[in-house]
Amino acid sequence: MTELAINGGAPTRTTPYAVRTTMGEAEKQAVMEVMDSGHLSGFFGSPGPQWLGGPKVQEFERKWADKYGFGHAISVNSWTTGLMTAVGAVGIGPGDEVIVSPYTMSASATAILFYGGIPIFADIDPDTFNLSAESIAARITPRTKAIMVVHIFGQAADMDPIMALARKHNLKVIEDAAQAPGVHYKGKPVGTIGDIGGFSLNYHKHIHTGEGGMLVTNDARLALRCQLIRNHGENLIEAQGVEDLTNMLGSNYRLTELQAAIGLAQLDRLDNYLETRQRLAAHFGARLAGIPGLTPAKVADGAEHAYYLYPVKYDAAVTGISRAAFVRAVNAELPTPTIWEQTGFVEAYVKPLYLAPLYQQKIAIGSKGFPWTANPDVHYDYSRGICPVVERMHFEELIYTPLMREPLSEADIDDFVAAIRKVLSQPQALQGK
């Protein structure tokens, strides 16, 4: 039996995995067209035709909206500011509660805090890792104003029961589809199944403009409010005839012409990227099926998956190898990654958000406990144990891989599976590690 690489043996694979690159001639030509024009941004923060941005920004927004049938697309300079814009646009204010997943990037929850809202963390489904409708239902109070659904790892959440809850309780629904561009749920593109949603365009997403984001909605009123928040709305409310001034204190969340030009070129390749990831994921899942202790990613009925990451549930009691030792041993069988490219498996995902100091100490805006002090008679519990499924996934079961991506092939995935099988065949060699 070949000795494990982590113990000094030869690794399963020595050839580095191909680095993912998405910038090509189309992007170069698009950028040079903007450079030659001399107009790197087309926004004015005042009334007039340029308050909606330059020609590339507006073309990018139209192309995104037309591609998926969205009523409106509004570009922003990051998906973090996109989330903040969405929260502001739906009218969240001090003391309003917004239900959100604790197993997501921190900005999903901090966007709520920026408007004085209070994140209420609901638990996730153990198979899809998306918010559980049952857990959402248990968190709804008279103070609840919205639900933020995160389509985590690229899989569409089960939206029907969530939307039923929203309609029953008159709640707004924000879809954080940062990791799920081009994904559908029961034939509907994610992003506007709820009231408003959007996508990330930062460096390691499916397509990117370096940094950036794209809000989408079918609600003309919400679209206008997003455009105002994005670009100094306080200067434009009279010209736009806006009477509801809630959260109309704007900022500068504007995308540049350079970024929009890159985005236009990138968007043309999104379908091919998704096809590649779904094909590789299907191959990987089929090869993992039947391996004791590893449960491949599950795609829920009616949902599509973009495979931003491929999650796997790991059972150390079955394999006889601790999760940490397994991940280290598998990764040792593969080439050392660059600082930009992860290889093999990663242990867990983000720590449940409510365990961060921000929530444990309830210090966010200022030093006196705002926004939680907006509801002084309410005790907000962020203690360990409030979301047991999230905690089990994070501390015990979940591992994931970013290798379901272009330009890799099925043969590359086969090497990964060979490394997994090699490690699992020698649990005794990892005792005590």
Protein backbone atom coordinates (compact mmCIF):
# COMPACT_ATOMS: atom_id res chain seq x y z
CA MET A 1 0.00 0.00 0.00
CA THR A 2 1.41 3.39 -1.03
CA GLU A 3 2.34 5.51 1.97
CA LEU A 4 0.34 8.68 2.48
CA ALA A 5 2.02 11.88 1.31
CA ILE A 6 1.45 13.49 4.69
CA ASN A 7 3.64 10.72 6.16
CA GLY A 8 6.39 11.09 3.57
CA GLY A 9 5.01 9.04 0.69
CA ALA A 10 4.64 10.09 -2.94
CA PRO A 11 1.60 12.31 -3.57
CA THR A 12 -1.25 11.16 -5.76
CA ARG A 13 -0.77 14.10 -8.11
CA THR A 14 2.27 16.26 -8.81
CA THR A 15 1.01 18.46 -11.65
CA PRO A 16 -0.52 21.69 -10.33
CA TYR A 17 -4.16 22.27 -11.12
CA ALA A 18 -4.63 24.87 -13.83
CA VAL A 19 -5.15 28.35 -12.43
CA ARG A 20 -8.52 29.85 -13.21
CA THR A 21 -8.22 32.92 -15.43
CA THR A 22 -11.20 34.76 -16.86
CA MET A 23 -9.55 37.82 -18.40
CA GLY A 24 -8.94 37.57 -22.13
CA GLU A 25 -8.84 39.57 -25.34
CA ALA A 26 -12.50 40.55 -25.10
CA GLU A 27 -11.88 42.20 -21.74
CA LYS A 28 -8.72 43.91 -22.97
CA GLN A 29 -10.51 45.34 -26.00
CA ALA A 30 -13.44 46.48 -23.85
CA VAL A 31 -11.13 48.25 -21.42
CA MET A 32 -9.14 49.93 -24.19
CA GLU A 33 -12.33 51.21 -25.77
CA VAL A 34 -13.17 52.95 -22.49
CA MET A 35 -9.59 54.17 -22.04
CA ASP A 36 -9.57 55.64 -25.53
CA SER A 37 -12.85 57.43 -24.81
CA GLY A 38 -11.28 59.19 -21.84
CA HIS A 39 -14.45 58.72 -19.76
CA LEU A 40 -13.74 56.27 -16.94
CA SER A 41 -16.97 57.10 -15.12
CA GLY A 42 -20.17 58.65 -16.37
CA PHE A 43 -21.98 59.43 -13.12
CA PHE A 44 -23.05 62.83 -11.85
CA GLY A 45 -24.45 63.04 -8.32
CA SER A 46 -27.05 65.59 -9.37
CA PRO A 47 -30.16 65.76 -11.56
CA GLY A 48 -29.64 65.17 -15.25
CA PRO A 49 -29.17 62.32 -17.72
CA GLN A 50 -25.89 61.18 -16.16
CA TRP A 51 -27.22 60.39 -12.68
CA LEU A 52 -27.75 56.82 -13.93
CA GLY A 53 -24.16 56.49 -15.12
CA GLY A 54 -22.28 56.32 -18.38
CA PRO A 55 -23.04 54.31 -21.51
CA LYS A 56 -21.17 51.14 -20.47
CA VAL A 57 -22.82 51.03 -17.04
CA GLN A 58 -26.28 51.41 -18.55
CA GLU A 59 -25.54 48.85 -21.28
CA PHE A 60 -24.27 46.35 -18.71
CA GLU A 61 -27.40 46.78 -16.62
CA ARG A 62 -29.69 46.36 -19.64
CA LYS A 63 -27.82 43.28 -20.82
CA TRP A 64 -28.03 41.63 -17.39
CA ALA A 65 -31.74 42.41 -17.04
CA ASP A 66 -32.53 41.22 -20.57
CA LYS A 67 -30.55 37.99 -20.22
CA TYR A 68 -32.66 36.72 -17.33
CA GLY A 69 -35.87 38.68 -17.76
CA PHE A 70 -35.43 41.00 -14.80
CA GLY A 71 -37.42 44.20 -14.81
CA HIS A 72 -34.51 46.27 -13.53
CA ALA A 73 -30.77 45.78 -12.93
CA ILE A 74 -28.78 48.30 -10.91
CA SER A 75 -24.99 48.00 -10.77
CA VAL A 76 -23.01 48.82 -7.63
CA ASN A 77 -19.32 48.89 -6.74
CA SER A 78 -19.51 45.78 -4.53
CA TRP A 79 -22.09 43.26 -3.44
CA THR A 80 -21.60 44.47 0.13
CA THR A 81 -22.86 47.89 -0.90
CA GLY A 82 -25.49 46.11 -2.96
CA LEU A 83 -26.81 44.39 0.15
CA MET A 84 -26.76 47.68 2.03
CA THR A 85 -28.67 49.29 -0.83
CA ALA A 86 -31.27 46.52 -0.85
CA VAL A 87 -31.79 46.74 2.91
CA GLY A 88 -32.19 50.50 2.66
CA ALA A 89 -34.51 50.32 -0.32
CA VAL A 90 -37.00 48.00 1.38
CA GLY A 91 -37.23 50.45 4.27
CA ILE A 92 -35.41 48.77 7.16
CA GLY A 93 -34.91 51.15 10.10
CA PRO A 94 -33.79 51.14 13.74
CA GLY A 95 -35.18 48.21 15.69
CA ASP A 96 -36.57 46.38 12.66
CA GLU A 97 -35.73 42.69 12.71
CA VAL A 98 -34.46 40.90 9.59
CA ILE A 99 -34.14 37.12 9.58
CA VAL A 100 -30.91 35.93 7.96
CA SER A 101 -28.67 32.88 7.76
CA PRO A 102 -25.70 32.70 10.13
CA TYR A 103 -23.78 30.57 7.63
CA THR A 104 -22.79 33.17 5.06
CA MET A 105 -20.32 35.96 4.49
CA SER A 106 -20.51 38.58 7.25
CA ALA A 107 -21.90 41.31 4.97
CA SER A 108 -25.28 39.58 4.68
CA ALA A 109 -25.90 40.47 8.32
CA THR A 110 -23.88 43.67 8.69
CA ALA A 111 -25.86 45.25 5.83
CA ILE A 112 -28.85 45.02 8.17
CA LEU A 113 -26.94 46.70 11.01
CA PHE A 114 -25.97 49.66 8.84
CA TYR A 115 -29.61 50.79 8.81
CA GLY A 116 -30.16 50.08 12.49
CA GLY A 117 -31.87 46.79 11.78
CA ILE A 118 -31.29 43.76 13.98
CA PRO A 119 -30.14 40.46 12.46
CA ILE A 120 -32.13 37.46 13.68
CA PHE A 121 -30.34 34.24 12.82
CA ALA A 122 -32.37 31.22 11.68
CA ASP A 123 -31.05 27.70 11.20
CA ILE A 124 -30.29 25.93 7.95
CA ASP A 125 -31.37 22.78 6.16
CA PRO A 126 -28.76 20.03 6.80
CA ASP A 127 -28.75 18.91 3.16
CA THR A 128 -28.78 22.16 1.19
CA PHE A 129 -27.26 24.48 3.85
CA ASN A 130 -29.81 27.15 2.92
CA LEU A 131 -32.23 28.73 5.39
CA SER A 132 -34.90 26.39 6.71
CA ALA A 133 -38.44 27.73 6.35
CA GLU A 134 -39.37 26.02 9.62
CA SER A 135 -36.60 27.84 11.46
CA ILE A 136 -37.59 31.14 9.84
CA ALA A 137 -41.17 30.68 10.97
CA ALA A 138 -40.05 30.20 14.57
CA ARG A 139 -38.13 33.52 14.49
CA ILE A 140 -40.90 35.78 13.20
CA THR A 141 -42.10 38.41 15.68
CA PRO A 142 -44.20 41.57 15.39
CA ARG A 143 -40.89 43.41 14.85
CA THR A 144 -39.87 41.30 11.83
CA LYS A 145 -39.79 43.33 8.62
CA ALA A 146 -37.84 41.19 6.16
CA ILE A 147 -36.16 37.88 5.39
CA MET A 148 -32.76 37.76 3.73
CA VAL A 149 -32.33 34.50 1.86
CA VAL A 150 -28.78 33.48 0.96
CA HIS A 151 -28.41 31.01 -1.92
CA ILE A 152 -25.33 29.52 -0.32
CA PHE A 153 -22.55 27.79 -2.27
CA GLY A 154 -24.56 28.47 -5.46
CA GLN A 155 -27.71 26.42 -4.78
CA ALA A 156 -31.11 28.06 -5.00
CA ALA A 157 -32.91 28.03 -1.66
CA ASP A 158 -36.34 26.43 -1.35
CA MET A 159 -38.22 29.65 -2.03
CA ASP A 160 -41.88 28.51 -2.13
CA PRO A 161 -42.33 27.99 1.63
CA ILE A 162 -40.25 31.08 2.39
CA MET A 163 -42.38 33.24 0.11
CA ALA A 164 -45.52 31.78 1.68
CA LEU A 165 -44.28 32.93 5.08
CA ALA A 166 -43.42 36.36 3.70
CA ARG A 167 -46.87 36.82 2.22
CA LYS A 168 -48.57 35.59 5.40
CA HIS A 169 -46.65 38.07 7.59
CA ASN A 170 -46.30 40.92 5.06
CA LEU A 171 -42.51 40.68 4.98
CA LYS A 172 -40.06 41.84 2.35
CA VAL A 173 -37.69 39.22 0.91
CA ILE A 174 -34.11 40.04 -0.10
CA GLU A 175 -32.21 37.39 -2.06
CA ASP A 176 -28.45 37.31 -1.55
CA ALA A 177 -27.47 35.40 -4.68
CA ALA A 178 -23.80 36.43 -4.56
CA GLN A 179 -22.71 32.86 -5.28
CA ALA A 180 -25.56 31.88 -7.61
CA PRO A 181 -25.61 33.92 -10.84
CA GLY A 182 -27.70 32.40 -13.59
CA VAL A 183 -29.39 29.94 -11.22
CA HIS A 184 -33.11 29.16 -11.37
CA TYR A 185 -35.66 27.84 -8.90
CA LYS A 186 -38.59 26.04 -10.47
CA GLY A 187 -37.91 27.88 -13.71
CA LYS A 188 -37.60 31.33 -12.13
CA PRO A 189 -34.23 33.12 -11.99
CA VAL A 190 -33.11 33.75 -8.43
CA GLY A 191 -32.93 37.39 -7.48
CA THR A 192 -36.52 38.47 -8.09
CA ILE A 193 -38.48 35.57 -6.65
CA GLY A 194 -38.45 37.82 -3.61
CA ASP A 195 -38.77 41.60 -3.72
CA ILE A 196 -35.15 42.34 -4.57
CA GLY A 197 -31.87 40.48 -4.90
CA GLY A 198 -28.54 40.48 -6.58
CA PHE A 199 -25.14 39.08 -7.35
CA SER A 200 -21.47 39.58 -6.57
CA LEU A 201 -18.89 40.51 -9.19
CA ASN A 202 -15.76 40.35 -7.08
CA TYR A 203 -12.56 38.56 -8.00
CA HIS A 204 -13.32 34.91 -7.23
CA LYS A 205 -16.97 34.77 -8.32
CA HIS A 206 -18.18 33.09 -11.51
CA ILE A 207 -17.75 36.33 -13.46
CA HIS A 208 -16.16 39.44 -12.08
CA THR A 209 -15.21 43.03 -12.63
CA GLY A 210 -12.54 43.00 -9.90
CA GLU A 211 -15.09 44.32 -7.44
CA GLY A 212 -18.74 44.98 -8.11
CA GLY A 213 -22.30 43.80 -7.77
CA MET A 214 -25.63 43.79 -9.57
CA LEU A 215 -28.99 44.37 -7.90
CA VAL A 216 -32.12 43.08 -9.64
CA THR A 217 -35.83 43.67 -9.03
CA ASN A 218 -39.13 43.69 -10.87
CA ASP A 219 -40.40 46.52 -8.68
CA ALA A 220 -39.93 49.93 -10.31
CA ARG A 221 -40.24 51.74 -6.98
CA LEU A 222 -37.50 49.63 -5.39
CA ALA A 223 -35.31 50.07 -8.47
CA LEU A 224 -35.57 53.86 -8.19
CA ARG A 225 -34.79 53.75 -4.48
CA CYS A 226 -31.70 51.62 -5.19
CA GLN A 227 -30.53 54.08 -7.84
CA LEU A 228 -30.98 56.95 -5.38
CA ILE A 229 -29.11 55.21 -2.54
CA ARG A 230 -26.32 54.31 -4.98
CA ASN A 231 -25.75 57.88 -6.11
CA HIS A 232 -26.29 60.67 -3.58
CA GLY A 233 -30.08 60.38 -3.57
CA GLU A 234 -30.54 63.35 -1.26
CA ASN A 235 -29.66 65.53 -4.25
CA LEU A 236 -32.19 63.90 -6.54
CA ILE A 237 -35.37 63.25 -4.60
CA GLU A 238 -37.09 66.41 -5.79
CA ALA A 239 -36.19 65.82 -9.42
CA GLN A 240 -37.47 62.23 -9.12
CA GLY A 241 -40.64 63.21 -7.28
CA VAL A 242 -39.86 61.01 -4.30
CA GLU A 243 -42.10 61.66 -1.31
CA ASP A 244 -41.05 58.82 1.02
CA LEU A 245 -37.67 59.94 2.32
CA THR A 246 -37.02 56.75 4.30
CA ASN A 247 -33.35 55.82 3.84
CA MET A 248 -32.93 58.27 0.98
CA LEU A 249 -29.61 59.44 2.38
CA GLY A 250 -27.44 58.31 -0.50
CA SER A 251 -23.79 57.45 -0.94
CA ASN A 252 -21.37 56.63 -3.75
CA TYR A 253 -21.79 52.96 -4.65
CA ARG A 254 -21.23 53.57 -8.37
CA LEU A 255 -19.60 51.18 -10.83
CA THR A 256 -17.03 52.64 -13.22
CA GLU A 257 -17.15 52.48 -17.00
CA LEU A 258 -14.04 50.27 -16.94
CA GLN A 259 -15.70 47.72 -14.67
CA ALA A 260 -18.91 47.76 -16.68
CA ALA A 261 -16.99 47.14 -19.90
CA ILE A 262 -15.30 44.12 -18.34
CA GLY A 263 -18.65 42.90 -17.04
CA LEU A 264 -20.19 43.08 -20.49
CA ALA A 265 -17.50 40.79 -21.84
CA GLN A 266 -17.69 38.45 -18.84
CA LEU A 267 -21.46 38.03 -18.97
CA ASP A 268 -21.19 36.38 -22.39
CA ARG A 269 -19.28 33.46 -20.81
CA LEU A 270 -21.42 32.86 -17.73
CA ASP A 271 -23.52 30.10 -19.32
CA ASN A 272 -20.39 28.17 -20.33
CA TYR A 273 -18.92 28.51 -16.86
CA LEU A 274 -22.10 27.19 -15.28
CA GLU A 275 -22.25 24.25 -17.68
CA THR A 276 -18.64 23.32 -16.89
CA ARG A 277 -19.17 23.49 -13.13
CA GLN A 278 -22.37 21.49 -13.25
CA ARG A 279 -20.74 18.83 -15.42
CA LEU A 280 -17.70 18.51 -13.16
CA ALA A 281 -19.89 18.46 -10.07
CA ALA A 282 -22.04 15.67 -11.50
CA HIS A 283 -18.91 13.67 -12.23
CA PHE A 284 -17.48 14.29 -8.77
CA GLY A 285 -20.75 13.41 -7.06
CA ALA A 286 -21.02 10.16 -9.00
CA ARG A 287 -17.46 9.19 -8.03
CA LEU A 288 -18.09 10.00 -4.36
CA ALA A 289 -21.38 8.12 -4.21
CA GLY A 290 -21.06 5.03 -2.07
CA ILE A 291 -17.86 6.07 -0.31
CA PRO A 292 -18.63 5.51 3.40
CA GLY A 293 -18.49 8.66 5.50
CA LEU A 294 -18.81 11.15 2.65
CA THR A 295 -22.18 12.53 1.53
CA PRO A 296 -21.99 14.44 -1.78
CA ALA A 297 -23.80 17.72 -2.32
CA LYS A 298 -27.55 17.36 -2.66
CA VAL A 299 -29.50 19.45 -5.15
CA ALA A 300 -33.05 20.06 -3.95
CA ASP A 301 -36.04 19.38 -6.17
CA GLY A 302 -36.71 22.34 -8.44
CA ALA A 303 -33.40 24.00 -7.62
CA GLU A 304 -30.31 24.60 -9.72
CA HIS A 305 -26.77 24.78 -8.40
CA ALA A 306 -23.97 27.04 -9.66
CA TYR A 307 -21.28 25.21 -7.65
CA TYR A 308 -19.43 28.24 -6.47
CA LEU A 309 -18.25 25.69 -3.92
CA TYR A 310 -19.02 21.98 -3.67
CA PRO A 311 -20.03 21.00 -0.12
CA VAL A 312 -19.61 17.51 1.30
CA LYS A 313 -20.79 16.18 4.65
CA TYR A 314 -18.08 14.22 6.45
CA ASP A 315 -18.65 11.58 9.15
CA ALA A 316 -15.52 10.92 11.19
CA ALA A 317 -17.27 8.15 13.12
CA VAL A 318 -17.57 6.18 9.87
CA THR A 319 -14.14 6.90 8.38
CA GLY A 320 -12.17 6.57 11.62
CA ILE A 321 -10.26 9.77 10.74
CA SER A 322 -10.87 13.16 12.30
CA ARG A 323 -12.17 15.80 9.91
CA ALA A 324 -9.06 17.95 10.32
CA ALA A 325 -6.69 15.04 9.73
CA PHE A 326 -8.66 13.91 6.69
CA VAL A 327 -8.56 17.36 5.08
CA ARG A 328 -4.83 17.77 5.73
CA ALA A 329 -4.05 14.31 4.40
CA VAL A 330 -6.09 14.71 1.20
CA ASN A 331 -4.55 18.11 0.49
CA ALA A 332 -1.06 16.69 1.00
CA GLU A 333 -1.78 14.31 -1.89
CA LEU A 334 -2.30 17.26 -4.24
CA PRO A 335 0.00 20.08 -5.41
CA THR A 336 0.53 22.96 -3.02
CA PRO A 337 -1.91 25.74 -3.98
CA THR A 338 -0.92 29.28 -4.81
CA ILE A 339 -2.15 32.02 -2.50
CA TRP A 340 -4.92 32.66 -5.03
CA GLU A 341 -6.07 29.09 -5.68
CA GLN A 342 -7.21 26.57 -3.08
CA THR A 343 -6.73 22.89 -3.83
CA GLY A 344 -8.57 19.90 -2.42
CA PHE A 345 -10.78 20.33 0.63
CA VAL A 346 -11.36 23.15 3.10
CA GLU A 347 -12.55 22.34 6.60
CA ALA A 348 -15.88 23.96 7.57
CA TYR A 349 -17.04 27.33 6.22
CA VAL A 350 -17.38 30.64 8.05
CA LYS A 351 -17.89 30.49 11.82
CA PRO A 352 -21.59 31.00 12.62
CA LEU A 353 -21.93 34.76 12.44
CA TYR A 354 -23.63 35.18 15.80
CA LEU A 355 -20.52 33.84 17.56
CA ALA A 356 -18.44 36.81 16.37
CA PRO A 357 -17.55 39.51 18.96
CA LEU A 358 -19.87 41.97 17.22
CA TYR A 359 -22.92 39.92 18.25
CA GLN A 360 -21.57 38.46 21.45
CA GLN A 361 -20.93 41.95 22.84
CA LYS A 362 -23.68 43.71 20.87
CA ILE A 363 -21.35 46.55 19.90
CA ALA A 364 -21.78 47.64 16.27
CA ILE A 365 -22.60 51.32 15.74
CA GLY A 366 -21.10 53.48 18.45
CA SER A 367 -20.23 51.97 21.80
CA LYS A 368 -23.60 51.91 23.58
CA GLY A 369 -25.22 48.86 22.02
CA PHE A 370 -27.08 50.35 19.07
CA PRO A 371 -29.11 49.05 17.26
CA TRP A 372 -30.11 46.48 19.89
CA THR A 373 -30.93 49.31 22.28
CA ALA A 374 -33.68 50.36 19.86
CA ASN A 375 -35.73 47.54 21.42
CA PRO A 376 -34.67 47.85 25.08
CA ASP A 377 -37.28 45.39 26.37
CA VAL A 378 -36.15 42.58 24.06
CA HIS A 379 -33.35 40.14 24.91
CA TYR A 380 -31.49 39.11 21.76
CA ASP A 381 -29.88 35.72 22.24
CA TYR A 382 -26.76 35.02 20.20
CA SER A 383 -25.43 32.26 22.43
CA ARG A 384 -24.01 29.03 21.14
CA GLY A 385 -26.80 26.54 20.57
CA ILE A 386 -29.40 28.78 18.91
CA CYS A 387 -28.77 27.20 15.47
CA PRO A 388 -27.76 23.58 16.13
CA VAL A 389 -27.63 22.49 12.48
CA VAL A 390 -25.28 25.33 11.54
CA GLU A 391 -23.06 24.54 14.50
CA ARG A 392 -22.97 20.83 13.71
CA MET A 393 -22.06 21.54 10.10
CA HIS A 394 -19.38 24.04 11.05
CA PHE A 395 -17.73 22.31 13.95
CA GLU A 396 -18.16 18.68 12.91
CA GLU A 397 -19.38 17.75 9.45
CA LEU A 398 -18.96 20.19 6.58
CA ILE A 399 -16.03 20.23 4.20
CA TYR A 400 -16.01 21.80 0.75
CA THR A 401 -13.93 22.04 -2.40
CA PRO A 402 -13.56 24.88 -4.93
CA LEU A 403 -12.29 22.51 -7.64
CA MET A 404 -15.56 22.26 -9.57
CA ARG A 405 -14.45 25.06 -11.87
CA GLU A 406 -13.14 25.91 -15.28
CA PRO A 407 -10.70 25.07 -16.85
CA LEU A 408 -10.51 21.71 -15.06
CA SER A 409 -11.55 18.41 -16.59
CA GLU A 410 -13.05 15.14 -15.39
CA ALA A 411 -9.51 13.70 -15.33
CA ASP A 412 -8.48 16.43 -12.86
CA ILE A 413 -11.44 15.50 -10.65
CA ASP A 414 -10.49 11.82 -10.89
CA ASP A 415 -7.09 12.62 -9.35
CA PHE A 416 -8.88 14.37 -6.51
CA VAL A 417 -11.09 11.34 -5.92
CA ALA A 418 -8.05 9.05 -6.05
CA ALA A 419 -6.45 11.13 -3.29
CA ILE A 420 -9.62 10.84 -1.21
CA ARG A 421 -9.78 7.06 -1.63
CA LYS A 422 -6.10 6.69 -0.81
CA VAL A 423 -6.48 8.57 2.47
CA LEU A 424 -9.65 6.72 3.46
CA SER A 425 -7.93 3.39 2.85
CA GLN A 426 -5.39 4.06 5.62
CA PRO A 427 -7.15 5.38 8.72
CA GLN A 428 -4.54 3.74 10.95
CA ALA A 429 -1.84 5.89 9.36
CA LEU A 430 -3.56 9.05 10.62
CA GLN A 431 -4.18 8.11 14.21
CA GLY A 432 -3.21 10.93 16.51
CA LYS A 433 -2.92 13.47 13.69
